[in-house]
C-alpha atoms as a PDB file:
ATOM      1  CA  UNK A   1       0.033   0.074  -0.035  1.00  0.00           C
ATOM      2  CA  UNK A   2       1.129   3.549  -0.628  1.00  0.00           C
ATOM      3  CA  UNK A   3      -0.540   6.778   0.491  1.00  0.00           C
ATOM      4  CA  UNK A   4      -0.127  10.506  -0.229  1.00  0.00           C
ATOM      5  CA  UNK A   5      -2.357  12.092   2.632  1.00  0.00           C
ATOM      6  CA  UNK A   6      -1.716  15.599   1.293  1.00  0.00           C
ATOM      7  CA  UNK A   7      -3.710  17.557  -1.041  1.00  0.00           C
ATOM      8  CA  UNK A   8      -0.664  19.287  -2.275  1.00  0.00           C
ATOM      9  CA  UNK A   9       0.376  17.943  -5.788  1.00  0.00           C
ATOM     10  CA  UNK A  10       3.502  15.718  -5.564  1.00  0.00           C
ATOM     11  CA  UNK A  11       5.165  13.057  -7.975  1.00  0.00           C
ATOM     12  CA  UNK A  12       4.107   9.483  -7.321  1.00  0.00           C
ATOM     13  CA  UNK A  13       5.818   6.219  -8.033  1.00  0.00           C
ATOM     14  CA  UNK A  14       5.743   2.737  -6.272  1.00  0.00           C
ATOM     15  CA  UNK A  15       7.677  -0.478  -6.560  1.00  0.00           C
ATOM     16  CA  UNK A  16       5.741  -3.420  -5.144  1.00  0.00           C
ATOM     17  CA  UNK A  17       7.364  -6.623  -4.007  1.00  0.00           C
ATOM     18  CA  UNK A  18       7.044  -9.216  -6.862  1.00  0.00           C
ATOM     19  CA  UNK A  19       8.202  -6.859  -9.534  1.00  0.00           C
ATOM     20  CA  UNK A  20       5.129  -4.538  -9.980  1.00  0.00           C
ATOM     21  CA  UNK A  21       5.731  -0.981 -10.506  1.00  0.00           C
ATOM     22  CA  UNK A  22       3.231   2.054 -10.454  1.00  0.00           C
ATOM     23  CA  UNK A  23       3.961   5.300 -11.980  1.00  0.00           C
ATOM     24  CA  UNK A  24       1.626   8.540 -12.150  1.00  0.00           C
ATOM     25  CA  UNK A  25       1.549  10.542 -15.406  1.00  0.00           C
ATOM     26  CA  UNK A  26       1.816  13.699 -13.509  1.00  0.00           C
ATOM     27  CA  UNK A  27       1.548  15.030 -10.039  1.00  0.00           C
ATOM     28  CA  UNK A  28      -1.088  13.664  -7.749  1.00  0.00           C
ATOM     29  CA  UNK A  29      -3.152  14.991  -4.661  1.00  0.00           C
ATOM     30  CA  UNK A  30      -4.835  12.782  -2.186  1.00  0.00           C
ATOM     31  CA  UNK A  31      -3.988   9.052  -3.217  1.00  0.00           C
ATOM     32  CA  UNK A  32      -4.158   5.666  -1.963  1.00  0.00           C
ATOM     33  CA  UNK A  33      -3.124   2.613  -3.918  1.00  0.00           C
ATOM     34  CA  UNK A  34      -3.382  -0.932  -2.575  1.00  0.00           C
ATOM     35  CA  UNK A  35      -1.910  -3.576  -4.766  1.00  0.00           C
ATOM     36  CA  UNK A  36      -2.830  -7.136  -3.619  1.00  0.00           C
ATOM     37  CA  UNK A  37      -1.157  -9.710  -5.757  1.00  0.00           C
ATOM     38  CA  UNK A  38      -2.591 -12.639  -3.846  1.00  0.00           C
ATOM     39  CA  UNK A  39      -6.192 -11.537  -4.509  1.00  0.00           C
ATOM     40  CA  UNK A  40      -5.415 -10.143  -8.109  1.00  0.00           C
ATOM     41  CA  UNK A  41      -6.786  -6.790  -7.172  1.00  0.00           C
ATOM     42  CA  UNK A  42      -5.609  -3.165  -7.486  1.00  0.00           C
ATOM     43  CA  UNK A  43      -7.459  -0.545  -5.556  1.00  0.00           C
ATOM     44  CA  UNK A  44      -7.146   3.196  -5.983  1.00  0.00           C
ATOM     45  CA  UNK A  45      -8.763   6.109  -3.994  1.00  0.00           C
ATOM     46  CA  UNK A  46      -8.194   9.526  -5.463  1.00  0.00           C
ATOM     47  CA  UNK A  47      -9.283  12.944  -4.805  1.00  0.00           C
ATOM     48  CA  UNK A  48      -8.207  16.455  -5.860  1.00  0.00           C
ATOM     49  CA  UNK A  49      -9.287  20.016  -5.142  1.00  0.00           C
ATOM     50  CA  UNK A  50     -11.658  21.670  -7.586  1.00  0.00           C
ATOM     51  CA  UNK A  51      -8.860  23.896  -9.042  1.00  0.00           C
ATOM     52  CA  UNK A  52      -6.647  20.903  -9.543  1.00  0.00           C
ATOM     53  CA  UNK A  53      -9.109  19.156 -11.744  1.00  0.00           C
ATOM     54  CA  UNK A  54      -7.946  21.177 -14.841  1.00  0.00           C
ATOM     55  CA  UNK A  55      -4.517  22.277 -13.468  1.00  0.00           C
ATOM     56  CA  UNK A  56      -1.460  21.718 -15.773  1.00  0.00           C
ATOM     57  CA  UNK A  57       0.906  18.927 -14.714  1.00  0.00           C
ATOM     58  CA  UNK A  58      -1.797  16.979 -12.673  1.00  0.00           C
ATOM     59  CA  UNK A  59      -1.861  13.063 -13.214  1.00  0.00           C
ATOM     60  CA  UNK A  60      -4.733  11.889 -15.373  1.00  0.00           C
ATOM     61  CA  UNK A  61      -3.748   8.047 -14.946  1.00  0.00           C
ATOM     62  CA  UNK A  62      -1.687   5.621 -13.206  1.00  0.00           C
ATOM     63  CA  UNK A  63       0.335   3.153 -15.109  1.00  0.00           C
ATOM     64  CA  UNK A  64       0.796  -0.372 -13.601  1.00  0.00           C
ATOM     65  CA  UNK A  65       3.572  -2.665 -14.938  1.00  0.00           C
ATOM     66  CA  UNK A  66       4.287  -6.324 -13.996  1.00  0.00           C
ATOM     67  CA  UNK A  67       0.786  -7.369 -13.066  1.00  0.00           C
ATOM     68  CA  UNK A  68      -0.687 -10.868 -14.396  1.00  0.00           C
ATOM     69  CA  UNK A  69      -3.583 -10.778 -16.724  1.00  0.00           C
ATOM     70  CA  UNK A  70      -6.949 -10.919 -15.048  1.00  0.00           C
ATOM     71  CA  UNK A  71      -6.254  -8.437 -12.276  1.00  0.00           C
ATOM     72  CA  UNK A  72      -9.214  -6.429 -11.165  1.00  0.00           C
ATOM     73  CA  UNK A  73      -8.808  -2.521 -10.970  1.00  0.00           C
ATOM     74  CA  UNK A  74     -11.028  -0.606  -8.713  1.00  0.00           C
ATOM     75  CA  UNK A  75     -10.970   3.148  -8.749  1.00  0.00           C
ATOM     76  CA  UNK A  76     -13.028   5.234  -6.230  1.00  0.00           C
ATOM     77  CA  UNK A  77     -15.137   2.270  -5.444  1.00  0.00           C
ATOM     78  CA  UNK A  78     -15.832   1.433  -9.104  1.00  0.00           C
ATOM     79  CA  UNK A  79     -14.462  -1.392 -11.152  1.00  0.00           C
ATOM     80  CA  UNK A  80     -12.663   0.007 -14.226  1.00  0.00           C
ATOM     81  CA  UNK A  81     -10.922  -1.327 -17.337  1.00  0.00           C
ATOM     82  CA  UNK A  82      -7.164  -0.919 -17.183  1.00  0.00           C
ATOM     83  CA  UNK A  83      -6.154  -0.783 -20.966  1.00  0.00           C
ATOM     84  CA  UNK A  84      -2.401  -1.601 -21.282  1.00  0.00           C
ATOM     85  CA  UNK A  85      -2.168  -1.325 -17.412  1.00  0.00           C
ATOM     86  CA  UNK A  86      -3.286   2.186 -17.338  1.00  0.00           C
ATOM     87  CA  UNK A  87      -5.909   3.202 -14.854  1.00  0.00           C
ATOM     88  CA  UNK A  88      -7.550   6.511 -15.317  1.00  0.00           C
ATOM     89  CA  UNK A  89      -7.919   8.685 -12.425  1.00  0.00           C
ATOM     90  CA  UNK A  90     -11.390  10.167 -11.912  1.00  0.00           C
ATOM     91  CA  UNK A  91     -13.542  11.342  -9.142  1.00  0.00           C
ATOM     92  CA  UNK A  92     -16.710  10.218 -11.155  1.00  0.00           C
END
């Protein structure tokens, strides 16, 4: 699990035991990422301030490398499709 508990934009990258890597395509605000290799599940919770939604340099997606096929991705409580290991970040 990795967590950014602050609303201030910051860079984000994560190396998970087992060879999985996670990289944001920009800066993130409030973020929690849980990678459960045993359960084949990735959970992402993400929130931004209103003015950050359209700010330049803010992340729009997370890229996951090294996961097995069939991994379930959940973003903000909803199952999402991760094409090419890319999970879109959205509050919707």
